[in-house]
C-alpha atoms as a PDB file:
ATOM      1  CA  MET A   1     -44.668 -72.838  46.809  1.00  0.00           C
ATOM      2  CA  VAL A   2     -48.755 -73.094  45.115  1.00  0.00           C
ATOM      3  CA  LYS A   3     -48.456 -75.365  42.888  1.00  0.00           C
ATOM      4  CA  ASN A   4     -50.868 -74.369  39.556  1.00  0.00           C
ATOM      5  CA  THR A   5     -53.384 -76.469  37.862  1.00  0.00           C
ATOM      6  CA  ALA A   6     -53.641 -77.389  33.907  1.00  0.00           C
ATOM      7  CA  LEU A   7     -56.350 -75.519  34.002  1.00  0.00           C
ATOM      8  CA  GLU A   8     -54.891 -72.362  35.412  1.00  0.00           C
ATOM      9  CA  GLU A   9     -51.899 -72.677  33.510  1.00  0.00           C
ATOM     10  CA  LEU A  10     -53.672 -72.024  30.338  1.00  0.00           C
ATOM     11  CA  ASP A  11     -56.062 -69.796  31.477  1.00  0.00           C
ATOM     12  CA  SER A  12     -53.054 -67.725  32.648  1.00  0.00           C
ATOM     13  CA  LYS A  13     -51.743 -68.536  28.852  1.00  0.00           C
ATOM     14  CA  ILE A  14     -54.613 -67.837  27.117  1.00  0.00           C
ATOM     15  CA  SER A  15     -54.527 -64.510  28.088  1.00  0.00           C
ATOM     16  CA  LEU A  16     -51.307 -63.507  27.620  1.00  0.00           C
ATOM     17  CA  MET A  17     -52.007 -64.716  23.763  1.00  0.00           C
ATOM     18  CA  ILE A  18     -55.429 -61.744  24.117  1.00  0.00           C
ATOM     19  CA  GLU A  19     -52.798 -59.906  25.289  1.00  0.00           C
ATOM     20  CA  LYS A  20     -50.209 -59.879  22.242  1.00  0.00           C
ATOM     21  CA  TYR A  21     -52.808 -60.084  20.054  1.00  0.00           C
ATOM     22  CA  GLU A  22     -54.379 -56.956  21.281  1.00  0.00           C
ATOM     23  CA  GLN A  23     -50.948 -55.580  21.137  1.00  0.00           C
ATOM     24  CA  LEU A  24     -50.294 -56.633  17.670  1.00  0.00           C
ATOM     25  CA  LYS A  25     -53.673 -55.407  16.339  1.00  0.00           C
ATOM     26  CA  GLU A  26     -52.704 -52.112  17.508  1.00  0.00           C
ATOM     27  CA  GLU A  27     -49.538 -51.679  16.036  1.00  0.00           C
ATOM     28  CA  ASN A  28     -51.033 -53.593  13.114  1.00  0.00           C
ATOM     29  CA  ARG A  29     -53.538 -50.256  12.988  1.00  0.00           C
ATOM     30  CA  LEU A  30     -51.394 -47.759  12.983  1.00  0.00           C
ATOM     31  CA  LEU A  31     -49.036 -49.302  10.312  1.00  0.00           C
ATOM     32  CA  LYS A  32     -51.927 -48.691   7.882  1.00  0.00           C
ATOM     33  CA  GLU A  33     -51.955 -45.355   9.351  1.00  0.00           C
ATOM     34  CA  LYS A  34     -49.090 -44.434   8.573  1.00  0.00           C
ATOM     35  CA  VAL A  35     -48.941 -46.781   5.049  1.00  0.00           C
ATOM     36  CA  ALA A  36     -51.930 -44.610   4.304  1.00  0.00           C
ATOM     37  CA  ALA A  37     -50.722 -41.160   5.737  1.00  0.00           C
ATOM     38  CA  SER A  38     -47.545 -42.103   2.466  1.00  0.00           C
ATOM     39  CA  ASP A  39     -49.968 -42.767   0.637  1.00  0.00           C
ATOM     40  CA  ALA A  40     -50.857 -39.767   0.591  1.00  0.00           C
ATOM     41  CA  VAL A  41     -47.935 -37.744   0.757  1.00  0.00           C
ATOM     42  CA  GLU A  42     -46.804 -40.181  -2.443  1.00  0.00           C
ATOM     43  CA  ALA A  43     -50.468 -39.054  -4.270  1.00  0.00           C
ATOM     44  CA  ARG A  44     -49.274 -35.227  -3.272  1.00  0.00           C
ATOM     45  CA  LEU A  45     -45.316 -35.800  -4.065  1.00  0.00           C
ATOM     46  CA  ASN A  46     -46.361 -36.880  -7.735  1.00  0.00           C
ATOM     47  CA  GLN A  47     -48.779 -34.717  -8.430  1.00  0.00           C
ATOM     48  CA  GLU A  48     -46.101 -31.547  -7.277  1.00  0.00           C
ATOM     49  CA  ILE A  49     -43.552 -34.019 -10.740  1.00  0.00           C
ATOM     50  CA  ALA A  50     -46.231 -33.412 -13.052  1.00  0.00           C
ATOM     51  CA  ARG A  51     -46.629 -30.301 -13.028  1.00  0.00           C
ATOM     52  CA  LEU A  52     -43.041 -29.155 -12.240  1.00  0.00           C
ATOM     53  CA  LYS A  53     -42.390 -31.747 -15.270  1.00  0.00           C
ATOM     54  CA  GLU A  54     -45.419 -29.275 -16.970  1.00  0.00           C
ATOM     55  CA  GLU A  55     -44.144 -26.570 -15.963  1.00  0.00           C
ATOM     56  CA  ASP A  56     -40.786 -27.326 -17.328  1.00  0.00           C
ATOM     57  CA  GLU A  57     -41.928 -27.793 -20.997  1.00  0.00           C
ATOM     58  CA  MET A  58     -43.366 -25.015 -20.844  1.00  0.00           C
ATOM     59  CA  LYS A  59     -40.280 -22.822 -19.804  1.00  0.00           C
ATOM     60  CA  ASP A  60     -38.888 -24.934 -22.134  1.00  0.00           C
ATOM     61  CA  LEU A  61     -40.867 -23.530 -25.618  1.00  0.00           C
ATOM     62  CA  GLU A  62     -40.617 -20.041 -23.933  1.00  0.00           C
ATOM     63  CA  LEU A  63     -37.043 -20.300 -23.615  1.00  0.00           C
ATOM     64  CA  GLU A  64     -36.895 -21.703 -27.907  1.00  0.00           C
ATOM     65  CA  ASP A  65     -39.659 -18.966 -28.608  1.00  0.00           C
ATOM     66  CA  ILE A  66     -36.980 -16.484 -27.396  1.00  0.00           C
ATOM     67  CA  ALA A  67     -34.281 -17.605 -29.033  1.00  0.00           C
ATOM     68  CA  LEU A  68     -36.182 -18.270 -32.452  1.00  0.00           C
ATOM     69  CA  ARG A  69     -36.787 -14.126 -32.189  1.00  0.00           C
ATOM     70  CA  VAL A  70     -33.812 -13.095 -31.136  1.00  0.00           C
ATOM     71  CA  ALA A  71     -32.432 -15.166 -33.838  1.00  0.00           C
ATOM     72  CA  LYS A  72     -34.948 -13.597 -36.610  1.00  0.00           C
ATOM     73  CA  THR A  73     -34.167  -9.757 -35.532  1.00  0.00           C
ATOM     74  CA  PHE A  74     -30.573 -10.731 -35.950  1.00  0.00           C
ATOM     75  CA  GLY A  75     -30.028 -13.021 -38.898  1.00  0.00           C
ATOM     76  CA  ILE A  76     -29.402 -15.896 -38.177  1.00  0.00           C
ATOM     77  CA  GLU A  77     -32.617 -17.785 -38.109  1.00  0.00           C
ATOM     78  CA  GLU A  78     -31.322 -20.456 -40.511  1.00  0.00           C
ATOM     79  CA  PHE A  79     -28.645 -21.361 -38.083  1.00  0.00           C
ATOM     80  CA  ILE A  80     -31.255 -21.694 -34.833  1.00  0.00           C
ATOM     81  CA  GLU A  81     -33.252 -24.234 -37.245  1.00  0.00           C
ATOM     82  CA  GLU A  82     -30.138 -26.263 -38.283  1.00  0.00           C
ATOM     83  CA  ARG A  83     -29.127 -26.795 -34.841  1.00  0.00           C
ATOM     84  CA  GLU A  84     -32.323 -27.896 -33.432  1.00  0.00           C
ATOM     85  CA  LEU A  85     -32.750 -30.058 -36.721  1.00  0.00           C
ATOM     86  CA  LYS A  86     -29.347 -31.847 -35.264  1.00  0.00           C
ATOM     87  CA  ALA A  87     -30.000 -31.837 -32.293  1.00  0.00           C
ATOM     88  CA  SER A  88     -33.952 -34.355 -33.044  1.00  0.00           C
END
């Protein structure tokens, strides 16, 4: 049975620590990349949400305009205006 000297044991432990450090360093790099990619996806999704909200608001305004024009055509615009006042 071969006995390691204290220096050899220390060298072995230091090598293991360096190896673990390198593994953790790589894992950290990969996690940073994932976070950056997630941030980019989040930014794109936030832009898409903002665009869709704006589009939705425009559609609502368009529908209100159409409803008002239809109401005017049938002479019931007062009813529409009252309903809008109550909704506010």
